[in-house]
């Protein structure tokens, strides 16, 4: 022992103690917070330390590195370079009625249960005329020729009258109610399209 100084002897003893207990060697690198219960964890200097039992003492283990969470880049919406398709509605061609259809009135002009008389609806057949009425079930049309002798029937209040011979008809059904006529007025099909009323009357 005479060859070693007191200081050298203390350094040797300290080294042996550190080798015998690795937790003492890393004492300067563990958290300064006191470990109080087994399983307790703490993040310190980018490491996660867990409290463990060493003999009769509670100490921090060596710790494991903790990778800092990287910020997630936020999604940005890029403006679309594709043109937005547009829906174009081509104008519908005007309706051309066949030869047996005659445009006789505008829908807006025909009120419920209020008959109107239409004369000469077509230059091709100037002698034709009709009486229109809008009922709950739709628009109907009668020929304005009396079923007695073919004279003109006119609107008179709530009924239809042939003043030539005094025949009377119901405006909503065309049934005779008085006079020499015994048959109903001729009922003709109608079509209501695009705000116009057409009467179907074959030549």
N, C-alpha and C. Protein backbone atom coordinates (compact mmCIF):
# COMPACT_ATOMS: atom_id res chain seq x y z
N UNK A 1 0.80 -1.20 0.00
CA UNK A 1 0.00 0.00 0.00
C UNK A 1 0.84 1.25 0.00
N UNK A 2 2.11 1.11 0.29
CA UNK A 2 2.96 2.29 0.38
C UNK A 2 3.22 2.90 -0.96
N UNK A 3 2.88 2.10 -2.06
CA UNK A 3 3.11 2.63 -3.41
C UNK A 3 1.94 3.49 -3.88
N UNK A 4 0.79 3.47 -3.22
CA UNK A 4 -0.39 4.25 -3.62
C UNK A 4 -0.65 5.35 -2.62
N UNK A 5 -1.02 6.47 -3.15
CA UNK A 5 -1.37 7.57 -2.26
C UNK A 5 -2.79 7.38 -1.77
N UNK A 6 -3.17 8.12 -0.79
CA UNK A 6 -4.53 8.04 -0.24
C UNK A 6 -5.56 8.37 -1.31
N UNK A 7 -5.27 9.35 -2.13
CA UNK A 7 -6.22 9.76 -3.18
C UNK A 7 -6.40 8.65 -4.20
N UNK A 8 -5.32 8.00 -4.58
CA UNK A 8 -5.43 6.90 -5.55
C UNK A 8 -6.22 5.74 -4.99
N UNK A 9 -6.05 5.48 -3.70
CA UNK A 9 -6.80 4.39 -3.08
C UNK A 9 -8.29 4.69 -3.10
N UNK A 10 -8.67 5.96 -2.80
CA UNK A 10 -10.09 6.34 -2.82
C UNK A 10 -10.67 6.20 -4.23
N UNK A 11 -9.92 6.57 -5.26
CA UNK A 11 -10.40 6.43 -6.64
C UNK A 11 -10.62 4.97 -7.01
N UNK A 12 -9.72 4.10 -6.55
CA UNK A 12 -9.87 2.68 -6.85
C UNK A 12 -11.11 2.12 -6.19
N UNK A 13 -11.34 2.47 -4.91
CA UNK A 13 -12.50 1.97 -4.18
C UNK A 13 -13.80 2.48 -4.80
N UNK A 14 -13.78 3.74 -5.25
CA UNK A 14 -14.98 4.30 -5.88
C UNK A 14 -15.30 3.58 -7.19
N UNK A 15 -14.27 3.26 -7.97
CA UNK A 15 -14.49 2.55 -9.23
C UNK A 15 -15.07 1.18 -9.01
N UNK A 16 -14.55 0.47 -7.97
CA UNK A 16 -15.06 -0.87 -7.67
C UNK A 16 -16.53 -0.79 -7.27
N UNK A 17 -16.90 0.23 -6.50
CA UNK A 17 -18.30 0.38 -6.06
C UNK A 17 -19.22 0.68 -7.24
N UNK A 18 -18.74 1.47 -8.19
CA UNK A 18 -19.55 1.78 -9.36
C UNK A 18 -19.79 0.56 -10.22
N UNK A 19 -18.76 -0.28 -10.35
CA UNK A 19 -18.92 -1.50 -11.14
C UNK A 19 -19.87 -2.47 -10.47
N UNK A 20 -19.88 -2.47 -9.14
CA UNK A 20 -20.76 -3.39 -8.41
C UNK A 20 -22.21 -2.96 -8.48
N UNK A 21 -22.50 -1.68 -8.64
CA UNK A 21 -23.88 -1.18 -8.68
C UNK A 21 -24.02 -0.23 -9.86
N UNK A 22 -24.56 -0.71 -11.01
CA UNK A 22 -24.67 0.14 -12.21
C UNK A 22 -25.60 1.32 -12.01
N UNK A 23 -26.56 1.22 -11.05
CA UNK A 23 -27.49 2.33 -10.85
C UNK A 23 -26.77 3.53 -10.27
N UNK A 24 -25.69 3.28 -9.47
CA UNK A 24 -24.92 4.39 -8.90
C UNK A 24 -24.13 5.07 -9.99
N UNK A 25 -23.65 4.27 -11.00
CA UNK A 25 -22.86 4.84 -12.09
C UNK A 25 -23.68 5.81 -12.91
N UNK A 26 -24.97 5.57 -12.98
CA UNK A 26 -25.81 6.44 -13.79
C UNK A 26 -26.64 7.39 -12.94
N UNK A 27 -26.25 7.56 -11.69
CA UNK A 27 -27.05 8.39 -10.79
C UNK A 27 -27.16 9.81 -11.30
N UNK A 28 -26.08 10.28 -11.95
CA UNK A 28 -26.10 11.65 -12.43
C UNK A 28 -26.96 11.81 -13.67
N UNK A 29 -27.40 10.67 -14.30
CA UNK A 29 -28.16 10.73 -15.53
C UNK A 29 -29.62 10.36 -15.35
N UNK A 30 -30.08 10.10 -14.14
CA UNK A 30 -31.46 9.76 -13.88
C UNK A 30 -32.18 10.99 -13.35
N UNK A 31 -33.54 10.99 -13.41
CA UNK A 31 -34.27 12.15 -12.93
C UNK A 31 -33.97 12.46 -11.48
N UNK A 32 -34.00 13.74 -11.18
CA UNK A 32 -33.77 14.17 -9.81
C UNK A 32 -35.01 13.99 -8.94
N UNK A 33 -36.18 13.78 -9.58
CA UNK A 33 -37.40 13.54 -8.83
C UNK A 33 -37.32 12.20 -8.13
N UNK A 34 -37.77 12.16 -6.89
CA UNK A 34 -37.67 10.94 -6.11
C UNK A 34 -38.67 9.91 -6.61
N UNK A 35 -38.20 8.67 -6.71
CA UNK A 35 -39.04 7.55 -7.13
C UNK A 35 -39.81 7.07 -5.90
N UNK A 36 -41.16 7.06 -5.97
CA UNK A 36 -41.96 6.76 -4.78
C UNK A 36 -42.74 5.46 -4.85
N UNK A 37 -43.01 4.96 -6.09
CA UNK A 37 -43.77 3.71 -6.19
C UNK A 37 -43.34 2.94 -7.43
N UNK A 38 -43.40 1.63 -7.34
CA UNK A 38 -43.02 0.77 -8.46
C UNK A 38 -43.99 0.99 -9.62
N UNK A 39 -43.43 1.15 -10.81
CA UNK A 39 -44.26 1.36 -11.99
C UNK A 39 -44.43 2.83 -12.33
N UNK A 40 -44.04 3.71 -11.44
CA UNK A 40 -44.13 5.14 -11.73
C UNK A 40 -43.22 5.47 -12.91
N UNK A 41 -43.72 6.31 -13.83
CA UNK A 41 -42.94 6.68 -15.01
C UNK A 41 -42.80 8.19 -15.06
N UNK A 42 -41.74 8.60 -15.76
CA UNK A 42 -41.48 10.03 -15.93
C UNK A 42 -40.66 10.22 -17.21
N UNK A 43 -40.94 11.30 -17.93
CA UNK A 43 -40.16 11.65 -19.11
C UNK A 43 -39.15 12.72 -18.69
N UNK A 44 -37.89 12.44 -18.96
CA UNK A 44 -36.83 13.37 -18.53
C UNK A 44 -35.68 13.30 -19.54
N UNK A 45 -35.38 14.45 -20.12
CA UNK A 45 -34.29 14.55 -21.09
C UNK A 45 -34.44 13.52 -22.22
N UNK A 46 -35.64 13.52 -22.82
CA UNK A 46 -35.94 12.66 -23.97
C UNK A 46 -35.83 11.17 -23.67
N UNK A 47 -36.03 10.80 -22.40
CA UNK A 47 -36.06 9.40 -22.04
C UNK A 47 -37.23 9.16 -21.09
N UNK A 48 -37.77 7.95 -21.17
CA UNK A 48 -38.84 7.55 -20.27
C UNK A 48 -38.25 6.62 -19.21
N UNK A 49 -38.39 7.04 -17.94
CA UNK A 49 -37.85 6.27 -16.82
C UNK A 49 -39.00 5.64 -16.05
N UNK A 50 -38.73 4.39 -15.57
CA UNK A 50 -39.72 3.66 -14.79
C UNK A 50 -39.13 3.34 -13.43
N UNK A 51 -39.95 3.52 -12.42
CA UNK A 51 -39.50 3.24 -11.05
C UNK A 51 -39.50 1.72 -10.81
N UNK A 52 -38.36 1.19 -10.38
CA UNK A 52 -38.22 -0.25 -10.11
C UNK A 52 -37.65 -0.44 -8.71
N UNK A 53 -37.75 -1.65 -8.21
CA UNK A 53 -37.24 -1.96 -6.89
C UNK A 53 -35.89 -2.64 -7.00
N UNK A 54 -34.91 -2.08 -6.33
CA UNK A 54 -33.56 -2.65 -6.33
C UNK A 54 -33.21 -2.94 -4.88
N UNK A 55 -33.26 -4.21 -4.49
CA UNK A 55 -33.05 -4.56 -3.09
C UNK A 55 -34.22 -4.04 -2.28
N UNK A 56 -33.93 -3.17 -1.32
CA UNK A 56 -34.98 -2.57 -0.50
C UNK A 56 -35.28 -1.13 -0.91
N UNK A 57 -34.72 -0.73 -2.04
CA UNK A 57 -34.87 0.66 -2.46
C UNK A 57 -35.67 0.75 -3.75
N UNK A 58 -36.27 1.91 -3.95
CA UNK A 58 -36.94 2.23 -5.20
C UNK A 58 -36.05 3.19 -5.97
N UNK A 59 -35.73 2.78 -7.19
CA UNK A 59 -34.82 3.60 -8.02
C UNK A 59 -35.39 3.68 -9.43
N UNK A 60 -34.89 4.65 -10.18
CA UNK A 60 -35.25 4.75 -11.60
C UNK A 60 -34.40 3.80 -12.41
N UNK A 61 -34.99 3.18 -13.44
CA UNK A 61 -34.19 2.33 -14.32
C UNK A 61 -33.38 3.20 -15.28
N UNK A 62 -32.75 2.58 -16.24
CA UNK A 62 -31.87 3.33 -17.13
C UNK A 62 -32.63 4.20 -18.13
N UNK A 63 -33.90 3.93 -18.28
CA UNK A 63 -34.70 4.74 -19.19
C UNK A 63 -34.58 4.30 -20.64
N UNK A 64 -35.58 4.58 -21.40
CA UNK A 64 -35.57 4.26 -22.83
C UNK A 64 -35.82 5.56 -23.60
N UNK A 65 -35.16 5.72 -24.73
CA UNK A 65 -35.33 6.96 -25.51
C UNK A 65 -36.79 7.12 -25.96
N UNK A 66 -37.24 8.33 -25.96
CA UNK A 66 -38.58 8.67 -26.43
C UNK A 66 -38.44 9.52 -27.68
N UNK A 67 -39.08 9.04 -28.77
CA UNK A 67 -39.02 9.80 -30.02
C UNK A 67 -40.07 10.90 -29.98
N UNK A 68 -39.65 12.14 -30.11
CA UNK A 68 -40.64 13.23 -30.09
C UNK A 68 -41.64 13.07 -31.24
N UNK A 69 -42.89 13.33 -30.93
CA UNK A 69 -43.93 13.21 -31.95
C UNK A 69 -43.75 14.30 -33.00
N UNK A 70 -43.77 13.87 -34.26
CA UNK A 70 -43.64 14.82 -35.35
C UNK A 70 -45.01 15.41 -35.68
N UNK A 71 -45.08 16.71 -35.92
CA UNK A 71 -46.38 17.31 -36.27
C UNK A 71 -46.90 16.77 -37.60
N UNK A 72 -48.17 16.46 -37.61
CA UNK A 72 -48.80 15.95 -38.83
C UNK A 72 -49.11 17.10 -39.76
N UNK A 73 -48.59 17.03 -40.98
CA UNK A 73 -48.86 18.14 -41.91
C UNK A 73 -50.35 18.22 -42.23
N UNK A 74 -50.88 19.40 -42.19
CA UNK A 74 -52.31 19.59 -42.46
C UNK A 74 -52.56 19.51 -43.96
N UNK A 75 -53.68 18.87 -44.29
CA UNK A 75 -54.03 18.71 -45.70
C UNK A 75 -54.54 20.03 -46.25
N UNK A 76 -54.01 20.41 -47.37
CA UNK A 76 -54.45 21.64 -48.01
C UNK A 76 -55.21 21.29 -49.29
N UNK A 77 -56.27 21.97 -49.50
CA UNK A 77 -57.09 21.72 -50.68
C UNK A 77 -56.57 22.53 -51.85
N UNK A 78 -56.14 21.81 -52.87
CA UNK A 78 -55.64 22.49 -54.06
C UNK A 78 -56.80 22.85 -54.97
N UNK A 79 -56.78 24.04 -55.50
CA UNK A 79 -57.86 24.40 -56.44
C UNK A 79 -57.86 23.50 -57.66
N UNK A 80 -59.06 23.07 -58.03
CA UNK A 80 -59.18 22.17 -59.18
C UNK A 80 -58.92 22.93 -60.47
N UNK A 81 -58.14 22.28 -61.33
CA UNK A 81 -57.86 22.87 -62.63
C UNK A 81 -58.84 22.40 -63.69
N UNK A 82 -59.71 21.44 -63.29
CA UNK A 82 -60.67 20.92 -64.25
C UNK A 82 -61.88 21.85 -64.31
N UNK A 83 -62.35 22.17 -65.48
CA UNK A 83 -63.53 23.04 -65.57
C UNK A 83 -64.77 22.32 -65.07
N UNK A 84 -65.61 23.07 -64.38
CA UNK A 84 -66.87 22.50 -63.86
C UNK A 84 -67.86 22.35 -65.01
N UNK A 85 -68.32 21.09 -65.22
CA UNK A 85 -69.26 20.90 -66.33
C UNK A 85 -70.57 21.62 -66.06
N UNK A 86 -71.08 22.24 -67.04
CA UNK A 86 -72.36 22.94 -66.93
C UNK A 86 -73.42 22.21 -67.74
N UNK A 87 -74.58 22.15 -67.15
CA UNK A 87 -75.69 21.48 -67.83
C UNK A 87 -76.50 22.52 -68.59
N UNK A 88 -76.51 22.37 -69.88
CA UNK A 88 -77.26 23.30 -70.71
C UNK A 88 -78.53 22.61 -71.20
N UNK A 89 -79.63 23.29 -71.01
CA UNK A 89 -80.92 22.75 -71.43
C UNK A 89 -81.31 23.40 -72.75
N UNK A 90 -81.34 22.59 -73.77
CA UNK A 90 -81.70 23.11 -75.08
C UNK A 90 -83.18 23.46 -75.10
N UNK A 91 -83.52 24.56 -75.72
CA UNK A 91 -84.94 24.93 -75.77
C UNK A 91 -85.75 23.89 -76.52
N UNK A 92 -86.91 23.55 -75.94
CA UNK A 92 -87.76 22.55 -76.57
C UNK A 92 -88.45 23.16 -77.80
N UNK A 93 -88.42 22.46 -78.92
CA UNK A 93 -89.07 23.03 -80.12
C UNK A 93 -90.56 23.22 -79.91
N UNK A 94 -91.09 24.23 -80.57
CA UNK A 94 -92.52 24.52 -80.45
C UNK A 94 -93.33 23.35 -80.99
N UNK A 95 -94.44 23.08 -80.31
CA UNK A 95 -95.29 21.95 -80.69
C UNK A 95 -96.07 22.30 -81.97
N UNK A 96 -95.98 21.41 -82.93
CA UNK A 96 -96.73 21.56 -84.18
C UNK A 96 -97.86 20.54 -84.19
N UNK A 97 -99.10 20.98 -84.03
CA UNK A 97 -100.20 20.01 -83.96
C UNK A 97 -100.45 19.35 -85.31
N UNK A 98 -100.93 18.12 -85.29
CA UNK A 98 -101.32 17.46 -86.53
C UNK A 98 -102.56 18.13 -87.13
N UNK A 99 -102.91 17.76 -88.35
CA UNK A 99 -104.04 18.43 -89.03
C UNK A 99 -105.37 18.36 -88.30
N UNK A 100 -105.56 17.34 -87.44
CA UNK A 100 -106.86 17.22 -86.78
C UNK A 100 -106.89 17.87 -85.40
N UNK A 101 -105.82 18.62 -85.02
CA UNK A 101 -105.79 19.33 -83.75
C UNK A 101 -105.82 20.82 -84.02
N UNK A 102 -106.69 21.52 -83.29
CA UNK A 102 -106.83 22.96 -83.47
C UNK A 102 -106.56 23.66 -82.14
N UNK A 103 -105.64 24.62 -82.16
CA UNK A 103 -105.38 25.43 -80.97
C UNK A 103 -106.54 26.42 -80.84
N UNK A 104 -107.30 26.28 -79.75
CA UNK A 104 -108.54 27.06 -79.63
C UNK A 104 -108.51 28.11 -78.53
N UNK A 105 -107.62 27.95 -77.51
CA UNK A 105 -107.63 28.92 -76.41
C UNK A 105 -106.37 28.75 -75.57
N UNK A 106 -106.04 29.80 -74.80
CA UNK A 106 -104.98 29.74 -73.82
C UNK A 106 -105.54 29.19 -72.51
N UNK A 107 -104.76 28.37 -71.84
CA UNK A 107 -105.23 27.74 -70.60
C UNK A 107 -105.64 28.77 -69.56
N UNK A 108 -104.90 29.89 -69.50
CA UNK A 108 -105.18 30.89 -68.48
C UNK A 108 -106.53 31.57 -68.69
N UNK A 109 -107.07 31.50 -69.89
CA UNK A 109 -108.34 32.17 -70.17
C UNK A 109 -109.56 31.32 -69.84
N UNK A 110 -109.34 30.07 -69.46
CA UNK A 110 -110.47 29.17 -69.21
C UNK A 110 -110.57 28.91 -67.71
N UNK A 111 -111.55 29.51 -67.06
CA UNK A 111 -111.76 29.36 -65.63
C UNK A 111 -112.68 28.18 -65.34
N UNK A 112 -112.65 27.75 -64.09
CA UNK A 112 -113.44 26.58 -63.69
C UNK A 112 -114.94 26.86 -63.83
N UNK A 113 -115.62 25.95 -64.56
CA UNK A 113 -117.08 25.99 -64.75
C UNK A 113 -117.58 27.28 -65.41
N UNK A 114 -116.71 27.91 -66.19
CA UNK A 114 -117.12 29.11 -66.93
C UNK A 114 -116.88 28.87 -68.42
N UNK A 115 -117.93 28.48 -69.16
CA UNK A 115 -117.74 28.12 -70.58
C UNK A 115 -117.39 29.34 -71.43
N UNK A 116 -116.63 29.07 -72.49
CA UNK A 116 -116.32 30.11 -73.48
C UNK A 116 -116.62 29.54 -74.86
N UNK A 117 -116.94 30.43 -75.78
CA UNK A 117 -117.24 30.02 -77.15
C UNK A 117 -116.09 30.43 -78.05
N UNK A 118 -115.65 29.52 -78.93
CA UNK A 118 -114.54 29.76 -79.84
C UNK A 118 -115.06 29.57 -81.26
N UNK A 119 -114.99 30.62 -82.07
CA UNK A 119 -115.44 30.54 -83.46
C UNK A 119 -114.24 30.63 -84.40
N UNK A 120 -114.34 29.90 -85.51
CA UNK A 120 -113.32 29.94 -86.56
C UNK A 120 -111.90 29.75 -86.01
N UNK A 121 -111.60 28.62 -85.36
CA UNK A 121 -110.26 28.42 -84.80
C UNK A 121 -109.20 28.17 -85.85
N UNK A 122 -109.59 27.83 -87.08
CA UNK A 122 -108.61 27.54 -88.12
C UNK A 122 -109.10 28.11 -89.44
N UNK A 123 -108.19 28.73 -90.19
CA UNK A 123 -108.56 29.25 -91.50
C UNK A 123 -108.87 28.13 -92.48
N UNK A 124 -108.35 26.94 -92.22
CA UNK A 124 -108.62 25.81 -93.11
C UNK A 124 -110.07 25.33 -93.00
N UNK A 125 -110.65 25.48 -91.80
CA UNK A 125 -112.03 25.03 -91.59
C UNK A 125 -112.77 26.16 -90.88
N UNK A 126 -113.08 27.24 -91.58
CA UNK A 126 -113.67 28.42 -90.94
C UNK A 126 -115.06 28.19 -90.37
N UNK A 127 -115.73 27.12 -90.80
CA UNK A 127 -117.11 26.92 -90.34
C UNK A 127 -117.17 26.26 -88.97
N UNK A 128 -116.03 25.80 -88.43
CA UNK A 128 -116.06 25.05 -87.19
C UNK A 128 -116.02 25.99 -85.98
N UNK A 129 -116.73 25.61 -84.94
CA UNK A 129 -116.72 26.36 -83.70
C UNK A 129 -116.93 25.43 -82.53
N UNK A 130 -116.50 25.85 -81.34
CA UNK A 130 -116.53 24.96 -80.18
C UNK A 130 -116.93 25.75 -78.94
N UNK A 131 -117.45 25.04 -77.98
CA UNK A 131 -117.72 25.59 -76.65
C UNK A 131 -116.84 24.81 -75.67
N UNK A 132 -115.98 25.53 -74.94
CA UNK A 132 -115.05 24.92 -73.99
C UNK A 132 -115.50 25.19 -72.57
N UNK A 133 -115.24 24.25 -71.70
CA UNK A 133 -115.51 24.45 -70.28
C UNK A 133 -114.50 23.63 -69.48
N UNK A 134 -113.97 24.25 -68.42
CA UNK A 134 -113.03 23.54 -67.54
C UNK A 134 -113.81 22.99 -66.34
N UNK A 135 -113.81 21.66 -66.24
CA UNK A 135 -114.45 21.01 -65.11
C UNK A 135 -113.38 20.55 -64.13
N UNK A 136 -113.84 19.96 -63.00
CA UNK A 136 -112.90 19.44 -62.00
C UNK A 136 -112.01 18.35 -62.60
N UNK A 137 -112.55 17.59 -63.55
CA UNK A 137 -111.80 16.47 -64.13
C UNK A 137 -111.06 16.85 -65.40
N UNK A 138 -111.04 18.13 -65.78
CA UNK A 138 -110.29 18.54 -66.96
C UNK A 138 -111.11 19.41 -67.89
N UNK A 139 -110.54 19.67 -69.08
CA UNK A 139 -111.18 20.54 -70.06
C UNK A 139 -111.94 19.67 -71.06
N UNK A 140 -113.19 20.06 -71.36
CA UNK A 140 -113.97 19.36 -72.38
C UNK A 140 -114.41 20.38 -73.44
N UNK A 141 -114.73 19.88 -74.60
CA UNK A 141 -115.17 20.74 -75.71
C UNK A 141 -116.39 20.11 -76.37
N UNK A 142 -117.34 20.98 -76.71
CA UNK A 142 -118.52 20.56 -77.47
C UNK A 142 -118.50 21.27 -78.82
N UNK A 143 -119.01 20.60 -79.83
CA UNK A 143 -119.27 21.28 -81.09
C UNK A 143 -120.38 22.30 -80.85
N UNK A 144 -120.27 23.46 -81.48
CA UNK A 144 -121.32 24.47 -81.27
C UNK A 144 -122.49 24.31 -82.25
N UNK A 145 -122.59 23.11 -82.86
CA UNK A 145 -123.70 22.82 -83.76
C UNK A 145 -124.80 22.10 -82.99
N UNK A 146 -125.99 22.67 -83.05
CA UNK A 146 -127.13 22.05 -82.36
C UNK A 146 -127.44 20.70 -82.99
N UNK A 147 -127.79 19.73 -82.16
CA UNK A 147 -128.10 18.38 -82.66
C UNK A 147 -129.51 18.28 -83.23
N UNK A 148 -130.22 19.40 -83.24
CA UNK A 148 -131.55 19.39 -83.85
C UNK A 148 -131.44 19.58 -85.37
N UNK A 149 -131.00 20.79 -85.78
CA UNK A 149 -130.85 21.06 -87.22
C UNK A 149 -129.52 21.73 -87.56
N UNK A 150 -128.57 21.66 -86.65
CA UNK A 150 -127.22 22.12 -86.96
C UNK A 150 -127.01 23.61 -86.89
N UNK A 151 -127.91 24.34 -86.23
CA UNK A 151 -127.72 25.77 -86.07
C UNK A 151 -126.76 26.05 -84.90
N UNK A 152 -126.29 27.31 -84.81
CA UNK A 152 -125.31 27.66 -83.77
C UNK A 152 -125.90 27.60 -82.37
N UNK A 153 -125.08 27.07 -81.46
CA UNK A 153 -125.43 27.06 -80.03
C UNK A 153 -124.60 28.14 -79.35
N UNK A 154 -125.21 28.92 -78.49
CA UNK A 154 -124.55 30.03 -77.81
C UNK A 154 -124.61 29.84 -76.29
N UNK A 155 -123.76 30.58 -75.61
CA UNK A 155 -123.73 30.54 -74.14
C UNK A 155 -124.74 31.55 -73.62
N UNK A 156 -125.58 31.11 -72.71
CA UNK A 156 -126.56 32.00 -72.10
C UNK A 156 -126.59 31.70 -70.60
N UNK A 157 -125.84 32.50 -69.84
CA UNK A 157 -125.75 32.27 -68.40
C UNK A 157 -125.05 30.96 -68.10
N UNK A 158 -125.72 30.07 -67.39
CA UNK A 158 -125.14 28.78 -67.01
C UNK A 158 -125.55 27.65 -67.94
N UNK A 159 -126.19 27.98 -69.07
CA UNK A 159 -126.62 26.93 -70.00
C UNK A 159 -126.29 27.33 -71.44
N UNK A 160 -126.45 26.36 -72.34
CA UNK A 160 -126.21 26.57 -73.76
C UNK A 160 -127.56 26.57 -74.49
N UNK A 161 -127.69 27.51 -75.43
CA UNK A 161 -129.00 27.68 -76.07
C UNK A 161 -128.83 27.79 -77.58
N UNK A 162 -129.71 27.11 -78.31
CA UNK A 162 -129.85 27.31 -79.76
C UNK A 162 -131.09 28.18 -79.95
N UNK A 163 -130.87 29.45 -80.22
CA UNK A 163 -132.00 30.38 -80.31
C UNK A 163 -132.82 30.20 -81.59
N UNK A 164 -132.28 29.48 -82.56
CA UNK A 164 -133.03 29.28 -83.81
C UNK A 164 -134.32 28.53 -83.57
N UNK A 165 -134.27 27.48 -82.73
CA UNK A 165 -135.48 26.68 -82.50
C UNK A 165 -135.75 26.43 -81.02
N UNK A 166 -134.98 27.09 -80.15
CA UNK A 166 -135.27 27.02 -78.71
C UNK A 166 -134.83 25.75 -78.02
N UNK A 167 -133.68 25.19 -78.44
CA UNK A 167 -133.15 24.01 -77.72
C UNK A 167 -132.18 24.47 -76.63
N UNK A 168 -132.22 23.77 -75.47
CA UNK A 168 -131.37 24.12 -74.32
C UNK A 168 -130.52 22.90 -73.92
N UNK A 169 -129.29 23.21 -73.47
CA UNK A 169 -128.36 22.13 -73.09
C UNK A 169 -127.63 22.53 -71.81
N UNK A 170 -127.25 21.50 -71.02
CA UNK A 170 -126.40 21.74 -69.84
C UNK A 170 -124.99 22.10 -70.30
N UNK A 171 -124.41 23.12 -69.68
CA UNK A 171 -123.08 23.59 -70.11
C UNK A 171 -121.97 22.61 -69.74
N UNK A 172 -122.15 21.84 -68.66
CA UNK A 172 -121.07 20.95 -68.20
C UNK A 172 -121.15 19.56 -68.79
N UNK A 173 -122.33 19.19 -69.36
CA UNK A 173 -122.48 17.83 -69.90
C UNK A 173 -122.93 17.80 -71.34
N UNK A 174 -123.51 18.90 -71.83
CA UNK A 174 -124.03 18.93 -73.20
C UNK A 174 -125.36 18.22 -73.36
N UNK A 175 -126.01 17.82 -72.25
CA UNK A 175 -127.29 17.11 -72.34
C UNK A 175 -128.42 18.11 -72.62
N UNK A 176 -129.38 17.72 -73.49
CA UNK A 176 -130.52 18.61 -73.77
C UNK A 176 -131.44 18.69 -72.56
N UNK A 177 -131.91 19.89 -72.26
CA UNK A 177 -132.82 20.09 -71.13
C UNK A 177 -134.17 20.67 -71.57
N UNK A 178 -134.29 21.01 -72.86
CA UNK A 178 -135.56 21.55 -73.33
C UNK A 178 -135.49 21.85 -74.82
N UNK A 179 -136.66 21.99 -75.47
CA UNK A 179 -136.71 22.29 -76.88
C UNK A 179 -136.74 21.04 -77.73
N UNK A 180 -136.64 21.21 -79.03
CA UNK A 180 -136.76 20.05 -79.93
C UNK A 180 -135.55 19.13 -79.93
N UNK A 181 -134.39 19.59 -79.52
CA UNK A 181 -133.20 18.72 -79.55
C UNK A 181 -133.34 17.60 -78.53
N UNK A 182 -132.97 16.38 -78.92
CA UNK A 182 -133.06 15.23 -78.02
C UNK A 182 -131.71 14.53 -77.80
N UNK A 183 -130.75 14.94 -78.56
CA UNK A 183 -129.42 14.31 -78.43
C UNK A 183 -128.43 15.28 -77.79
N UNK A 184 -127.43 14.70 -77.12
CA UNK A 184 -126.37 15.53 -76.51
C UNK A 184 -125.58 16.25 -77.59
N UNK A 185 -124.98 17.37 -77.21
CA UNK A 185 -124.04 18.03 -78.10
C UNK A 185 -122.84 17.11 -78.34
N UNK A 186 -122.25 17.20 -79.51
CA UNK A 186 -121.11 16.33 -79.85
C UNK A 186 -119.91 16.71 -78.98
N UNK A 187 -119.40 15.72 -78.23
CA UNK A 187 -118.25 15.92 -77.34
C UNK A 187 -116.97 15.59 -78.10
N UNK A 188 -115.97 16.47 -78.02
CA UNK A 188 -114.72 16.30 -78.75
C UNK A 188 -113.55 16.20 -77.78
N UNK A 189 -112.55 15.38 -78.12
CA UNK A 189 -111.36 15.27 -77.25
C UNK A 189 -110.59 16.59 -77.21
N UNK A 190 -109.93 16.83 -76.08
CA UNK A 190 -109.09 18.02 -75.93
C UNK A 190 -107.71 17.62 -75.42
N UNK A 191 -106.72 18.46 -75.72
CA UNK A 191 -105.35 18.29 -75.24
C UNK A 191 -104.89 19.64 -74.69
N UNK A 192 -104.36 19.63 -73.47
CA UNK A 192 -103.82 20.86 -72.88
C UNK A 192 -102.30 20.71 -72.80
N UNK A 193 -101.60 21.55 -73.56
CA UNK A 193 -100.15 21.40 -73.68
C UNK A 193 -99.49 22.78 -73.70
N UNK A 194 -98.50 22.95 -72.80
CA UNK A 194 -97.70 24.18 -72.78
C UNK A 194 -98.56 25.45 -72.73
N UNK A 195 -99.63 25.40 -71.93
CA UNK A 195 -100.46 26.59 -71.76
C UNK A 195 -101.46 26.84 -72.88
N UNK A 196 -101.63 25.86 -73.76
CA UNK A 196 -102.59 26.01 -74.86
C UNK A 196 -103.55 24.82 -74.86
N UNK A 197 -104.79 25.08 -75.20
CA UNK A 197 -105.80 24.02 -75.31
C UNK A 197 -106.05 23.72 -76.78
N UNK A 198 -105.97 22.44 -77.12
CA UNK A 198 -106.22 21.96 -78.48
C UNK A 198 -107.48 21.11 -78.50
N UNK A 199 -108.25 21.25 -79.55
CA UNK A 199 -109.42 20.39 -79.78
C UNK A 199 -109.08 19.43 -80.91
N UNK A 200 -109.37 18.15 -80.68
CA UNK A 200 -109.12 17.12 -81.71
C UNK A 200 -110.43 16.93 -82.46
N UNK A 201 -110.40 17.35 -83.77
CA UNK A 201 -111.61 17.26 -84.58
C UNK A 201 -111.19 16.91 -86.01
N UNK A 202 -111.42 15.65 -86.39
CA UNK A 202 -110.98 15.19 -87.70
C UNK A 202 -111.69 15.93 -88.81
N UNK A 203 -110.98 16.23 -89.91
CA UNK A 203 -111.63 16.92 -91.05
C UNK A 203 -112.81 16.11 -91.58
